[in-house]
Amino acid sequence: MPLFGKDKETKEIEREVKYRQGLSKVRAYVEKSRESQRRLWGLGKRALKLGDQQQFQNIARAYVRVGGIISRWEKYLVAVETVAVQRGQVKATGDFLKSMQALSESMMSGA
């Protein structure tokens, strides 16, 4: 254990935990937004049933706006998850290279 700061593995674990927490929060927000959209849909139907065109138009705008927010956050999720996959691939490549280096050092010491 180093005297100053945290070791590399601990920092990596903390980053992974923060990443997962962030994804969970965004997913929860998206689900909450979907629930808001469902409520707005019901309110819009009620406004139409009551013949309140102005209220219906306000609700319809809010419904579309929430849909845009959901779409934007889902795009962010896809982008973040894509980067995470690429990061995993880079890490696997690095691990492979380290093992090859260890093997070559072993071969060189025997020669």
C-alpha atoms as a PDB file:
ATOM      1  CA  MET A   1       0.000   0.000   0.000  1.00  0.00           C
ATOM      2  CA  PRO A   2       1.491   3.355  -0.975  1.00  0.00           C
ATOM      3  CA  LEU A   3       2.131   5.956   1.697  1.00  0.00           C
ATOM      4  CA  PHE A   4       0.462   8.753  -0.235  1.00  0.00           C
ATOM      5  CA  GLY A   5      -2.840   8.420  -2.057  1.00  0.00           C
ATOM      6  CA  LYS A   6      -4.635   5.286  -3.084  1.00  0.00           C
ATOM      7  CA  ASP A   7      -3.345   2.436  -5.115  1.00  0.00           C
ATOM      8  CA  LYS A   8      -4.352   1.963  -8.717  1.00  0.00           C
ATOM      9  CA  GLU A   9      -6.828  -0.860  -8.083  1.00  0.00           C
ATOM     10  CA  THR A  10      -8.681   1.061  -5.372  1.00  0.00           C
ATOM     11  CA  LYS A  11      -9.046   4.086  -7.642  1.00  0.00           C
ATOM     12  CA  GLU A  12     -10.295   1.852 -10.456  1.00  0.00           C
ATOM     13  CA  ILE A  13     -12.914   0.275  -8.182  1.00  0.00           C
ATOM     14  CA  GLU A  14     -14.062   3.706  -6.999  1.00  0.00           C
ATOM     15  CA  ARG A  15     -14.389   4.891 -10.606  1.00  0.00           C
ATOM     16  CA  GLU A  16     -16.435   1.803 -11.470  1.00  0.00           C
ATOM     17  CA  VAL A  17     -18.751   2.385  -8.487  1.00  0.00           C
ATOM     18  CA  LYS A  18     -19.261   6.043  -9.463  1.00  0.00           C
ATOM     19  CA  TYR A  19     -19.931   5.001 -13.064  1.00  0.00           C
ATOM     20  CA  ARG A  20     -22.585   2.490 -11.990  1.00  0.00           C
ATOM     21  CA  GLN A  21     -24.172   4.957  -9.585  1.00  0.00           C
ATOM     22  CA  GLY A  22     -24.348   7.559 -12.330  1.00  0.00           C
ATOM     23  CA  LEU A  23     -25.986   5.104 -14.727  1.00  0.00           C
ATOM     24  CA  SER A  24     -28.513   4.131 -12.061  1.00  0.00           C
ATOM     25  CA  LYS A  25     -29.409   7.754 -11.390  1.00  0.00           C
ATOM     26  CA  VAL A  26     -29.865   8.532 -15.079  1.00  0.00           C
ATOM     27  CA  ARG A  27     -31.982   5.404 -15.615  1.00  0.00           C
ATOM     28  CA  ALA A  28     -34.135   6.338 -12.610  1.00  0.00           C
ATOM     29  CA  TYR A  29     -34.565   9.850 -14.022  1.00  0.00           C
ATOM     30  CA  VAL A  30     -35.591   8.460 -17.402  1.00  0.00           C
ATOM     31  CA  GLU A  31     -38.150   6.170 -15.750  1.00  0.00           C
ATOM     32  CA  LYS A  32     -39.483   9.072 -13.684  1.00  0.00           C
ATOM     33  CA  SER A  33     -39.808  11.108 -16.885  1.00  0.00           C
ATOM     34  CA  ARG A  34     -41.716   8.266 -18.555  1.00  0.00           C
ATOM     35  CA  GLU A  35     -44.092   8.211 -15.604  1.00  0.00           C
ATOM     36  CA  SER A  36     -44.564  11.976 -16.009  1.00  0.00           C
ATOM     37  CA  GLN A  37     -45.367  11.405 -19.663  1.00  0.00           C
ATOM     38  CA  ARG A  38     -47.989   8.790 -18.754  1.00  0.00           C
ATOM     39  CA  ARG A  39     -49.578  11.221 -16.297  1.00  0.00           C
ATOM     40  CA  LEU A  40     -49.550  13.994 -18.899  1.00  0.00           C
ATOM     41  CA  TRP A  41     -51.244  11.648 -21.390  1.00  0.00           C
ATOM     42  CA  GLY A  42     -54.071  11.025 -18.908  1.00  0.00           C
ATOM     43  CA  LEU A  43     -54.372  14.726 -18.132  1.00  0.00           C
ATOM     44  CA  GLY A  44     -54.514  15.531 -21.835  1.00  0.00           C
ATOM     45  CA  LYS A  45     -57.372  13.071 -22.306  1.00  0.00           C
ATOM     46  CA  ARG A  46     -59.201  14.657 -19.387  1.00  0.00           C
ATOM     47  CA  ALA A  47     -58.700  18.144 -20.811  1.00  0.00           C
ATOM     48  CA  LEU A  48     -60.109  17.017 -24.169  1.00  0.00           C
ATOM     49  CA  LYS A  49     -63.047  15.356 -22.472  1.00  0.00           C
ATOM     50  CA  LEU A  50     -63.776  18.624 -20.669  1.00  0.00           C
ATOM     51  CA  GLY A  51     -63.419  20.556 -23.926  1.00  0.00           C
ATOM     52  CA  ASP A  52     -60.552  22.686 -22.625  1.00  0.00           C
ATOM     53  CA  GLN A  53     -58.509  23.124 -25.807  1.00  0.00           C
ATOM     54  CA  GLN A  54     -56.022  25.595 -24.302  1.00  0.00           C
ATOM     55  CA  GLN A  55     -55.200  23.286 -21.404  1.00  0.00           C
ATOM     56  CA  PHE A  56     -54.898  20.366 -23.818  1.00  0.00           C
ATOM     57  CA  GLN A  57     -52.393  22.281 -25.952  1.00  0.00           C
ATOM     58  CA  ASN A  58     -50.308  23.166 -22.881  1.00  0.00           C
ATOM     59  CA  ILE A  59     -50.293  19.538 -21.787  1.00  0.00           C
ATOM     60  CA  ALA A  60     -49.421  18.364 -25.310  1.00  0.00           C
ATOM     61  CA  ARG A  61     -46.419  20.715 -25.408  1.00  0.00           C
ATOM     62  CA  ALA A  62     -45.278  19.439 -22.015  1.00  0.00           C
ATOM     63  CA  TYR A  63     -45.701  15.838 -23.211  1.00  0.00           C
ATOM     64  CA  VAL A  64     -43.542  16.477 -26.280  1.00  0.00           C
ATOM     65  CA  ARG A  65     -40.937  18.330 -24.208  1.00  0.00           C
ATOM     66  CA  VAL A  66     -40.647  15.425 -21.746  1.00  0.00           C
ATOM     67  CA  GLY A  67     -40.341  13.040 -24.708  1.00  0.00           C
ATOM     68  CA  GLY A  68     -37.400  15.065 -25.977  1.00  0.00           C
ATOM     69  CA  ILE A  69     -35.752  14.955 -22.564  1.00  0.00           C
ATOM     70  CA  ILE A  70     -36.181  11.170 -22.400  1.00  0.00           C
ATOM     71  CA  SER A  71     -34.729  10.762 -25.866  1.00  0.00           C
ATOM     72  CA  ARG A  72     -31.728  12.967 -25.065  1.00  0.00           C
ATOM     73  CA  TRP A  73     -30.892  11.091 -21.843  1.00  0.00           C
ATOM     74  CA  GLU A  74     -31.260   7.717 -23.540  1.00  0.00           C
ATOM     75  CA  LYS A  75     -28.777   8.882 -26.191  1.00  0.00           C
ATOM     76  CA  TYR A  76     -26.379   9.878 -23.409  1.00  0.00           C
ATOM     77  CA  LEU A  77     -26.787   6.425 -21.844  1.00  0.00           C
ATOM     78  CA  VAL A  78     -25.985   4.728 -25.141  1.00  0.00           C
ATOM     79  CA  ALA A  79     -22.894   6.919 -25.576  1.00  0.00           C
ATOM     80  CA  VAL A  80     -21.630   6.226 -22.057  1.00  0.00           C
ATOM     81  CA  GLU A  81     -22.229   2.488 -22.356  1.00  0.00           C
ATOM     82  CA  THR A  82     -20.410   2.470 -25.714  1.00  0.00           C
ATOM     83  CA  VAL A  83     -17.400   4.140 -24.130  1.00  0.00           C
ATOM     84  CA  ALA A  84     -17.518   1.595 -21.290  1.00  0.00           C
ATOM     85  CA  VAL A  85     -17.417  -1.269 -23.803  1.00  0.00           C
ATOM     86  CA  GLN A  86     -14.470   0.320 -25.601  1.00  0.00           C
ATOM     87  CA  ARG A  87     -12.731   0.857 -22.270  1.00  0.00           C
ATOM     88  CA  GLY A  88     -13.178  -2.820 -21.456  1.00  0.00           C
ATOM     89  CA  GLN A  89     -11.679  -3.767 -24.792  1.00  0.00           C
ATOM     90  CA  VAL A  90      -8.670  -1.508 -24.204  1.00  0.00           C
ATOM     91  CA  LYS A  91      -8.182  -2.986 -20.740  1.00  0.00           C
ATOM     92  CA  ALA A  92      -8.327  -6.539 -22.138  1.00  0.00           C
ATOM     93  CA  THR A  93      -5.757  -5.621 -24.781  1.00  0.00           C
ATOM     94  CA  GLY A  94      -3.495  -4.133 -22.115  1.00  0.00           C
ATOM     95  CA  ASP A  95      -3.797  -7.245 -19.963  1.00  0.00           C
ATOM     96  CA  PHE A  96      -2.960  -9.396 -22.969  1.00  0.00           C
ATOM     97  CA  LEU A  97       0.124  -7.316 -23.757  1.00  0.00           C
ATOM     98  CA  LYS A  98       1.304  -7.553 -20.143  1.00  0.00           C
ATOM     99  CA  SER A  99       0.981 -11.337 -20.232  1.00  0.00           C
ATOM    100  CA  MET A 100       2.892 -11.488 -23.516  1.00  0.00           C
ATOM    101  CA  GLN A 101       5.616  -9.291 -22.012  1.00  0.00           C
ATOM    102  CA  ALA A 102       5.878 -11.596 -18.992  1.00  0.00           C
ATOM    103  CA  LEU A 103       6.102 -14.612 -21.296  1.00  0.00           C
ATOM    104  CA  SER A 104       8.820 -13.030 -23.432  1.00  0.00           C
ATOM    105  CA  GLU A 105      10.797 -12.015 -20.325  1.00  0.00           C
ATOM    106  CA  SER A 106      10.515 -15.595 -19.096  1.00  0.00           C
ATOM    107  CA  MET A 107      11.759 -16.908 -22.430  1.00  0.00           C
ATOM    108  CA  MET A 108      14.636 -14.399 -22.494  1.00  0.00           C
ATOM    109  CA  SER A 109      15.800 -15.344 -18.996  1.00  0.00           C
ATOM    110  CA  GLY A 110      15.926 -19.011 -20.011  1.00  0.00           C
ATOM    111  CA  ALA A 111      17.945 -18.355 -23.147  1.00  0.00           C
END
